[in-house]
Amino acid sequence: MGVMGKVIYSVASSLDGYNADDQGDFSWAVPDEAVVAALTADLASVSTYLYGRRMYETMAVWETDPAAATWSPESAHFADTWKRAEKVVFSSTLHQTWTERTRTERDLTAETVARAKSEASGDLTIEGPTLAKTALQLGVVDVIELLLCPVTIGGGTAVFPDGLSLDLRLVRERRFDNGMVQITYELARR
């Protein structure tokens, strides 16, 4: 049996620790071409995306709306990368998906993540703080990758759940000309 992929929590964050404001707006986190290119390159090792229902509905545009790939050359590359990956959507209310290579699971548990890891041919990403909260509390996340955006928003959906205590080891940081900074940490197991 080969080495299993890592579970990566990948999330855009305001400097004050939020992924979206009180109304669910995250337009302040839209990356420019250089950031999209870097994030897409990072996805080369990722074979599976783990989503909650809302994140899946947001990301499905990369397959369901052909115009999304025409936004820019990097958007087209990202759309191709996204379509090739497997997607697992964790939801008790979504019973059907509308993209290829996509299946649903009712609940995110240590067992469902272990199964997804065993089926994956590479790393897995968890995107979105709601689903990541459960994964972090279960201890199934191996890497945290923050895309820090040069903005504070004063409240909204927190990137990390309250009461979470983690030991982290910095493995990479990248700065972009638009003021965004990507910081990658591995979790130190206690």
Protein backbone atom coordinates (compact mmCIF):
# COMPACT_ATOMS: atom_id res chain seq x y z
CA MET A 1 0.00 0.00 0.00
CA GLY A 2 1.32 3.46 -0.93
CA VAL A 3 1.59 6.54 1.24
CA MET A 4 -1.79 8.10 1.89
CA GLY A 5 -2.32 11.72 0.92
CA LYS A 6 -2.54 14.57 3.38
CA VAL A 7 -5.76 16.32 4.34
CA ILE A 8 -5.26 20.04 3.74
CA TYR A 9 -7.56 22.73 5.14
CA SER A 10 -7.26 25.44 2.49
CA VAL A 11 -9.01 28.71 3.28
CA ALA A 12 -8.97 32.43 2.50
CA SER A 13 -8.93 34.55 5.62
CA SER A 14 -9.25 38.20 6.52
CA LEU A 15 -6.51 39.43 8.83
CA ASP A 16 -8.99 39.27 11.70
CA GLY A 17 -9.70 35.59 11.07
CA TYR A 18 -12.90 35.42 9.02
CA ASN A 19 -13.68 33.63 5.75
CA ALA A 20 -16.87 35.60 5.02
CA ASP A 21 -18.63 38.59 6.56
CA ASP A 22 -21.95 38.55 8.41
CA GLN A 23 -23.87 38.47 5.10
CA GLY A 24 -21.75 35.63 3.68
CA ASP A 25 -19.81 37.94 1.34
CA PHE A 26 -16.23 36.92 0.56
CA SER A 27 -15.67 39.10 -2.53
CA TRP A 28 -12.73 40.72 -0.72
CA ALA A 29 -10.92 37.36 -1.05
CA VAL A 30 -11.09 37.07 -4.85
CA PRO A 31 -7.51 36.35 -5.97
CA ASP A 32 -5.74 38.00 -8.88
CA GLU A 33 -4.09 36.04 -11.72
CA ALA A 34 -0.80 35.48 -9.89
CA VAL A 35 -2.58 34.07 -6.85
CA VAL A 36 -4.88 31.87 -8.98
CA ALA A 37 -1.81 30.52 -10.80
CA ALA A 38 -0.05 29.73 -7.50
CA LEU A 39 -3.12 28.08 -5.97
CA THR A 40 -3.74 26.02 -9.10
CA ALA A 41 -0.11 24.85 -9.07
CA ASP A 42 -0.60 23.80 -5.42
CA LEU A 43 -3.53 21.66 -6.52
CA ALA A 44 -1.26 19.46 -8.66
CA SER A 45 -0.91 17.06 -5.71
CA VAL A 46 -4.63 17.14 -4.85
CA SER A 47 -6.89 14.41 -6.19
CA THR A 48 -9.97 14.92 -4.00
CA TYR A 49 -11.93 17.91 -2.69
CA LEU A 50 -14.01 17.53 0.47
CA TYR A 51 -16.89 20.02 0.53
CA GLY A 52 -19.93 20.94 2.53
CA ARG A 53 -23.10 21.67 0.56
CA ARG A 54 -22.64 25.47 0.34
CA MET A 55 -19.01 25.24 -0.78
CA TYR A 56 -19.91 22.60 -3.37
CA GLU A 57 -22.70 24.80 -4.73
CA THR A 58 -20.22 27.71 -4.97
CA MET A 59 -17.45 25.68 -6.63
CA ALA A 60 -19.62 23.68 -9.06
CA VAL A 61 -19.62 26.70 -11.39
CA TRP A 62 -16.19 25.56 -12.60
CA GLU A 63 -17.90 22.65 -14.32
CA THR A 64 -21.48 23.82 -14.85
CA ASP A 65 -20.86 27.32 -16.26
CA PRO A 66 -18.62 27.29 -19.35
CA ALA A 67 -18.19 31.06 -19.01
CA ALA A 68 -16.20 30.58 -15.78
CA ALA A 69 -13.25 29.19 -17.76
CA THR A 70 -13.26 32.28 -20.00
CA TRP A 71 -12.71 34.77 -17.17
CA SER A 72 -8.95 34.53 -17.68
CA PRO A 73 -6.25 32.07 -18.80
CA GLU A 74 -5.64 31.07 -15.18
CA SER A 75 -9.37 30.55 -14.66
CA ALA A 76 -9.38 28.10 -17.57
CA HIS A 77 -6.46 26.19 -16.05
CA PHE A 78 -8.17 26.10 -12.65
CA ALA A 79 -11.45 24.88 -14.22
CA ASP A 80 -9.60 21.98 -15.89
CA THR A 81 -7.87 21.11 -12.61
CA TRP A 82 -11.15 21.24 -10.69
CA LYS A 83 -13.02 19.04 -13.17
CA ARG A 84 -10.35 16.30 -13.03
CA ALA A 85 -10.54 15.92 -9.24
CA GLU A 86 -12.89 13.72 -7.25
CA LYS A 87 -15.38 15.56 -5.06
CA VAL A 88 -17.02 14.31 -1.86
CA VAL A 89 -19.89 16.48 -0.62
CA PHE A 90 -20.86 16.10 3.04
CA SER A 91 -24.49 17.06 3.49
CA SER A 92 -27.64 15.76 5.13
CA THR A 93 -29.81 17.87 2.80
CA LEU A 94 -28.16 17.41 -0.61
CA HIS A 95 -29.16 14.06 -2.08
CA GLN A 96 -28.00 14.56 -5.65
CA THR A 97 -24.98 16.23 -7.26
CA TRP A 98 -24.70 17.77 -10.72
CA THR A 99 -21.01 17.49 -11.47
CA GLU A 100 -18.92 14.55 -12.61
CA ARG A 101 -16.66 12.61 -10.23
CA THR A 102 -18.85 13.69 -7.30
CA ARG A 103 -20.52 11.69 -4.55
CA THR A 104 -22.28 12.57 -1.32
CA GLU A 105 -21.76 11.44 2.25
CA ARG A 106 -24.22 12.29 5.00
CA ASP A 107 -21.70 13.13 7.75
CA LEU A 108 -18.02 13.94 7.99
CA THR A 109 -16.55 11.43 10.42
CA ALA A 110 -13.07 10.07 11.00
CA GLU A 111 -14.20 6.95 9.13
CA THR A 112 -15.52 8.81 6.05
CA VAL A 113 -12.30 10.84 5.84
CA ALA A 114 -10.20 7.67 6.22
CA ARG A 115 -12.20 6.06 3.40
CA ALA A 116 -11.75 9.12 1.16
CA LYS A 117 -8.01 9.07 1.91
CA SER A 118 -7.73 5.39 1.06
CA GLU A 119 -9.53 5.95 -2.26
CA ALA A 120 -7.57 9.09 -3.19
CA SER A 121 -4.58 9.03 -5.50
CA GLY A 122 -3.14 12.19 -3.93
CA ASP A 123 -3.82 14.82 -1.28
CA LEU A 124 -7.30 15.94 -0.21
CA THR A 125 -8.49 19.46 0.52
CA ILE A 126 -11.19 20.57 2.89
CA GLU A 127 -12.43 23.98 1.87
CA GLY A 128 -14.75 26.06 3.96
CA PRO A 129 -14.65 26.66 7.70
CA THR A 130 -17.95 24.93 8.53
CA LEU A 131 -16.80 21.50 7.32
CA ALA A 132 -13.23 22.16 8.46
CA LYS A 133 -14.46 22.83 12.01
CA THR A 134 -15.60 19.22 12.27
CA ALA A 135 -12.45 17.89 10.60
CA LEU A 136 -10.20 19.93 12.91
CA GLN A 137 -12.10 18.78 15.98
CA LEU A 138 -11.82 15.16 14.79
CA GLY A 139 -8.06 15.57 14.33
CA VAL A 140 -8.07 14.45 10.68
CA VAL A 141 -6.42 17.58 9.21
CA ASP A 142 -2.70 17.32 8.43
CA VAL A 143 -1.99 20.75 6.89
CA ILE A 144 -3.52 24.23 7.25
CA GLU A 145 -3.05 26.56 4.31
CA LEU A 146 -4.20 30.13 4.93
CA LEU A 147 -4.49 32.73 2.19
CA LEU A 148 -4.37 35.92 4.24
CA CYS A 149 -6.13 38.83 2.55
CA PRO A 150 -5.18 42.44 3.34
CA VAL A 151 -8.52 43.36 4.91
CA THR A 152 -10.34 43.20 8.22
CA ILE A 153 -14.09 42.65 8.18
CA GLY A 154 -15.05 42.79 11.86
CA GLY A 155 -17.06 39.58 12.08
CA GLY A 156 -18.68 36.77 10.17
CA THR A 157 -17.73 33.13 9.61
CA ALA A 158 -14.60 32.38 11.62
CA VAL A 159 -11.77 30.46 9.95
CA PHE A 160 -11.19 28.42 13.13
CA PRO A 161 -13.70 27.20 15.72
CA ASP A 162 -13.61 28.60 19.23
CA GLY A 163 -11.74 26.48 21.75
CA LEU A 164 -9.45 24.83 19.18
CA SER A 165 -5.84 24.43 20.32
CA LEU A 166 -3.27 23.27 17.74
CA ASP A 167 0.51 23.03 17.62
CA LEU A 168 1.69 24.06 14.16
CA ARG A 169 4.97 24.06 12.25
CA LEU A 170 5.46 26.65 9.50
CA VAL A 171 6.50 24.94 6.25
CA ARG A 172 6.02 27.72 3.68
CA GLU A 173 5.08 31.34 3.23
CA ARG A 174 4.52 33.21 -0.03
CA ARG A 175 3.84 36.87 -0.61
CA PHE A 176 1.92 38.19 -3.60
CA ASP A 177 2.04 41.65 -5.17
CA ASN A 178 -1.67 42.21 -4.39
CA GLY A 179 -0.92 42.06 -0.64
CA MET A 180 -2.13 38.51 -0.08
CA VAL A 181 0.13 36.13 1.85
CA GLN A 182 -0.14 32.35 1.78
CA ILE A 183 1.00 30.59 4.95
CA THR A 184 1.21 26.80 5.17
CA TYR A 185 1.48 24.90 8.44
CA GLU A 186 1.76 21.21 9.24
CA LEU A 187 -0.01 20.06 12.37
CA ALA A 188 2.24 18.68 15.06
CA ARG A 189 0.59 15.60 16.54
CA ARG A 190 0.38 15.69 20.31
